Protein backbone atom coordinates (compact mmCIF):
# COMPACT_ATOMS: atom_id res chain seq x y z
CA MET A 1 -121.23 34.57 5.86
CA SER A 2 -123.45 32.89 3.29
CA PHE A 3 -125.07 34.28 0.17
CA SER A 4 -127.94 33.00 -1.85
CA LYS A 5 -127.44 32.59 -5.57
CA SER A 6 -129.25 35.82 -6.45
CA ALA A 7 -127.50 37.79 -3.71
CA GLY A 8 -124.16 36.37 -4.89
CA ARG A 9 -124.83 37.47 -8.46
CA GLY A 10 -125.90 40.92 -7.33
CA TRP A 11 -122.78 41.29 -5.18
CA ALA A 12 -120.52 40.20 -8.10
CA LEU A 13 -122.33 42.56 -10.47
CA GLY A 14 -121.96 45.42 -8.01
CA LEU A 15 -118.29 44.65 -7.59
CA ALA A 16 -117.77 44.56 -11.39
CA LEU A 17 -119.63 47.83 -11.92
CA GLY A 18 -117.79 49.42 -9.04
CA SER A 19 -114.46 48.37 -10.55
CA VAL A 20 -115.40 49.84 -13.93
CA GLY A 21 -116.51 53.06 -12.26
CA PHE A 22 -113.28 53.22 -10.27
CA ALA A 23 -111.20 52.64 -13.41
CA ALA A 24 -113.10 55.35 -15.26
CA LEU A 25 -112.65 57.70 -12.31
CA GLY A 26 -108.92 56.91 -12.28
CA ALA A 27 -108.63 57.68 -15.98
CA ALA A 28 -110.44 60.98 -15.54
CA ASP A 29 -108.08 62.03 -12.75
CA THR A 30 -104.92 61.47 -14.78
CA GLY A 31 -105.49 64.51 -16.99
CA THR A 32 -105.39 65.01 -20.73
CA MET A 33 -103.93 62.33 -22.95
CA TYR A 34 -101.30 63.49 -25.44
CA ARG A 35 -99.96 61.79 -28.54
CA CYS A 36 -96.33 62.79 -28.99
CA PRO A 37 -94.06 62.18 -32.00
CA GLY A 38 -92.90 58.57 -32.28
CA ASN A 39 -96.33 57.22 -31.19
CA ASP A 40 -95.61 58.06 -27.56
CA TYR A 41 -98.85 58.37 -25.62
CA ASN A 42 -98.53 60.27 -22.38
CA ASN A 43 -100.88 61.65 -19.75
CA THR A 44 -98.30 62.66 -17.15
CA ILE A 45 -96.95 65.79 -18.82
CA THR A 46 -98.19 69.35 -18.55
CA ALA A 47 -99.76 71.27 -21.41
CA LYS A 48 -96.59 73.37 -21.78
CA GLU A 49 -94.38 70.26 -21.97
CA ALA A 50 -96.75 68.76 -24.56
CA LYS A 51 -96.57 71.92 -26.66
CA ASP A 52 -92.76 71.99 -26.43
CA ARG A 53 -92.53 68.36 -27.54
CA GLY A 54 -95.00 68.83 -30.39
CA CYS A 55 -97.65 66.59 -28.84
CA LYS A 56 -101.36 66.74 -29.72
CA THR A 57 -104.27 66.17 -27.39
CA ILE A 58 -106.50 63.17 -27.86
CA ASP A 59 -110.13 63.92 -27.08
CA GLY A 60 -112.54 61.03 -26.97
CA ALA A 61 -110.45 58.77 -29.18
CA PRO A 62 -110.11 55.24 -27.88
CA ILE A 63 -106.56 54.07 -27.30
CA THR A 64 -105.70 50.44 -27.75
CA ILE A 65 -102.41 49.12 -26.44
CA ILE A 66 -101.35 45.74 -27.72
CA GLN A 67 -98.52 44.00 -25.96
CA ILE A 68 -96.46 41.78 -28.21
CA THR A 69 -95.12 38.62 -26.69
CA LYS A 70 -91.94 36.98 -27.90
CA GLN A 71 -92.32 33.62 -29.52
CA ARG A 72 -90.97 30.80 -27.46
CA PRO A 73 -88.26 28.74 -29.07
CA SER A 74 -89.59 25.44 -30.27
CA THR A 75 -88.70 22.38 -28.30
CA GLY A 76 -86.38 19.80 -29.82
CA ALA A 77 -89.07 17.16 -30.41
CA ALA A 78 -91.67 19.50 -31.87
CA GLY A 79 -89.18 21.55 -33.91
CA SER A 80 -87.47 18.60 -35.51
CA ALA A 81 -90.75 16.99 -36.48
CA SER A 82 -91.86 20.00 -38.50
CA GLY A 83 -88.43 20.99 -39.91
CA PRO A 84 -86.40 19.28 -42.60
CA ALA A 85 -84.55 16.15 -41.68
CA VAL A 86 -80.86 16.64 -40.88
CA THR A 87 -78.70 14.51 -43.12
CA ARG A 88 -75.15 13.42 -42.41
CA VAL A 89 -72.51 13.85 -45.05
CA ASP A 90 -70.22 10.94 -45.71
CA PRO A 91 -66.72 11.72 -44.34
CA ALA A 92 -65.13 10.90 -47.71
CA GLU A 93 -67.52 13.25 -49.49
CA GLN A 94 -66.82 15.99 -46.91
CA ARG A 95 -63.07 15.55 -47.47
CA ALA A 96 -63.63 15.92 -51.21
CA ARG A 97 -65.66 19.10 -50.65
CA ASP A 98 -62.94 20.48 -48.37
CA ASN A 99 -60.28 19.68 -50.97
CA ASP A 100 -62.32 21.42 -53.67
CA ALA A 101 -62.77 24.46 -51.46
CA ARG A 102 -59.04 24.54 -50.68
CA ARG A 103 -58.16 24.26 -54.37
CA ILE A 104 -60.54 27.09 -55.30
CA LEU A 105 -59.28 29.34 -52.50
CA GLU A 106 -55.63 28.65 -53.36
CA ALA A 107 -56.26 29.55 -57.02
CA GLU A 108 -58.05 32.73 -55.97
CA LEU A 109 -55.21 33.59 -53.58
CA LYS A 110 -52.64 33.16 -56.34
CA ARG A 111 -54.67 35.33 -58.73
CA GLU A 112 -55.13 38.09 -56.11
CA GLU A 113 -51.43 38.05 -55.18
CA GLU A 114 -50.54 38.49 -58.87
CA ARG A 115 -52.94 41.44 -59.12
CA LEU A 116 -51.43 42.94 -55.97
CA ALA A 117 -47.91 42.64 -57.42
CA ALA A 118 -49.04 44.39 -60.60
CA MET A 119 -50.72 47.15 -58.59
CA ARG A 120 -47.57 47.66 -56.50
CA THR A 121 -45.48 47.91 -59.66
CA GLU A 122 -47.82 50.55 -61.09
CA PHE A 123 -47.94 52.39 -57.73
CA ASN A 124 -44.12 52.65 -57.78
CA ASN A 125 -43.74 53.33 -54.04
CA GLY A 126 -46.21 56.20 -54.11
CA GLU A 127 -44.83 57.88 -57.23
CA PRO A 128 -46.62 56.42 -60.27
CA GLU A 129 -45.87 57.83 -63.69
CA ARG A 130 -47.98 60.82 -64.64
CA ARG A 131 -50.57 60.43 -67.36
CA GLY A 132 -51.17 62.91 -70.13
CA ASP A 133 -54.44 64.12 -68.61
CA GLU A 134 -52.81 64.82 -65.24
CA LYS A 135 -51.21 68.18 -65.92
CA ASN A 136 -53.26 69.40 -62.97
CA ASN A 137 -51.43 68.25 -59.83
CA GLN A 138 -54.71 67.63 -57.96
CA LYS A 139 -55.77 64.91 -60.43
CA TYR A 140 -52.45 63.15 -59.94
CA ILE A 141 -52.75 63.33 -56.14
CA GLU A 142 -56.30 61.93 -56.30
CA ARG A 143 -55.16 59.04 -58.51
CA VAL A 144 -52.27 58.23 -56.15
CA SER A 145 -54.71 58.30 -53.22
CA ASP A 146 -57.13 55.99 -55.05
CA MET A 147 -54.29 53.62 -55.90
CA LYS A 148 -53.18 53.53 -52.26
CA ALA A 149 -56.74 52.72 -51.12
CA ALA A 150 -57.03 50.00 -53.78
CA LEU A 151 -53.77 48.46 -52.58
CA ALA A 152 -55.03 48.42 -48.99
CA ARG A 153 -58.30 46.74 -50.09
CA LYS A 154 -56.41 44.14 -52.11
CA GLU A 155 -54.16 43.37 -49.12
CA ASN A 156 -57.25 42.95 -46.93
CA ASP A 157 -58.80 40.63 -49.53
CA ILE A 158 -55.68 38.48 -49.54
CA ALA A 159 -55.64 38.36 -45.73
CA SER A 160 -59.30 37.23 -45.79
CA ILE A 161 -58.56 34.44 -48.25
CA LYS A 162 -55.68 33.28 -46.08
CA ARG A 163 -57.97 33.22 -43.02
CA GLU A 164 -60.49 31.11 -44.94
CA LEU A 165 -57.74 28.71 -45.98
CA ALA A 166 -56.59 28.40 -42.37
CA LYS A 167 -60.12 27.36 -41.34
CA LEU A 168 -60.13 24.40 -43.71
CA PRO A 169 -58.78 21.07 -42.48
CA SER A 170 -55.41 20.06 -43.91
């Protein structure tokens, strides 16, 4: 089968117009378009379902759907050219940094352990001394509860510091 140029253009134009007509016909057959809460657009539900969901009809308003594509991770060559240069740290300098970090964490651990010991002394195994403003038993119970929670937080803090110390090289 052979077509002349003009016949070929006419056939392509007819095919394009036919496709548009078919798409428009398909859209008309799907029913009313509803906009439901949460920007959910739907044309497959009944009018009763739309009313129950709180949807509103869309009459003659154009709907544009934009699909978002995920960005591809950059390749090693292209990514490294645009990013900052990776610098190596001298092993001696890294050891010094690690020693500083260890020293700081050990000092913090010692300070927190001293605070914990003081808190435990004040807590007195769950029976701290009553204060003058605690004639109401409920205030005393609330203070004991707060002290117990503070002790638990302090113990967790100390455990975290010990974990950080364990991560550092010896």
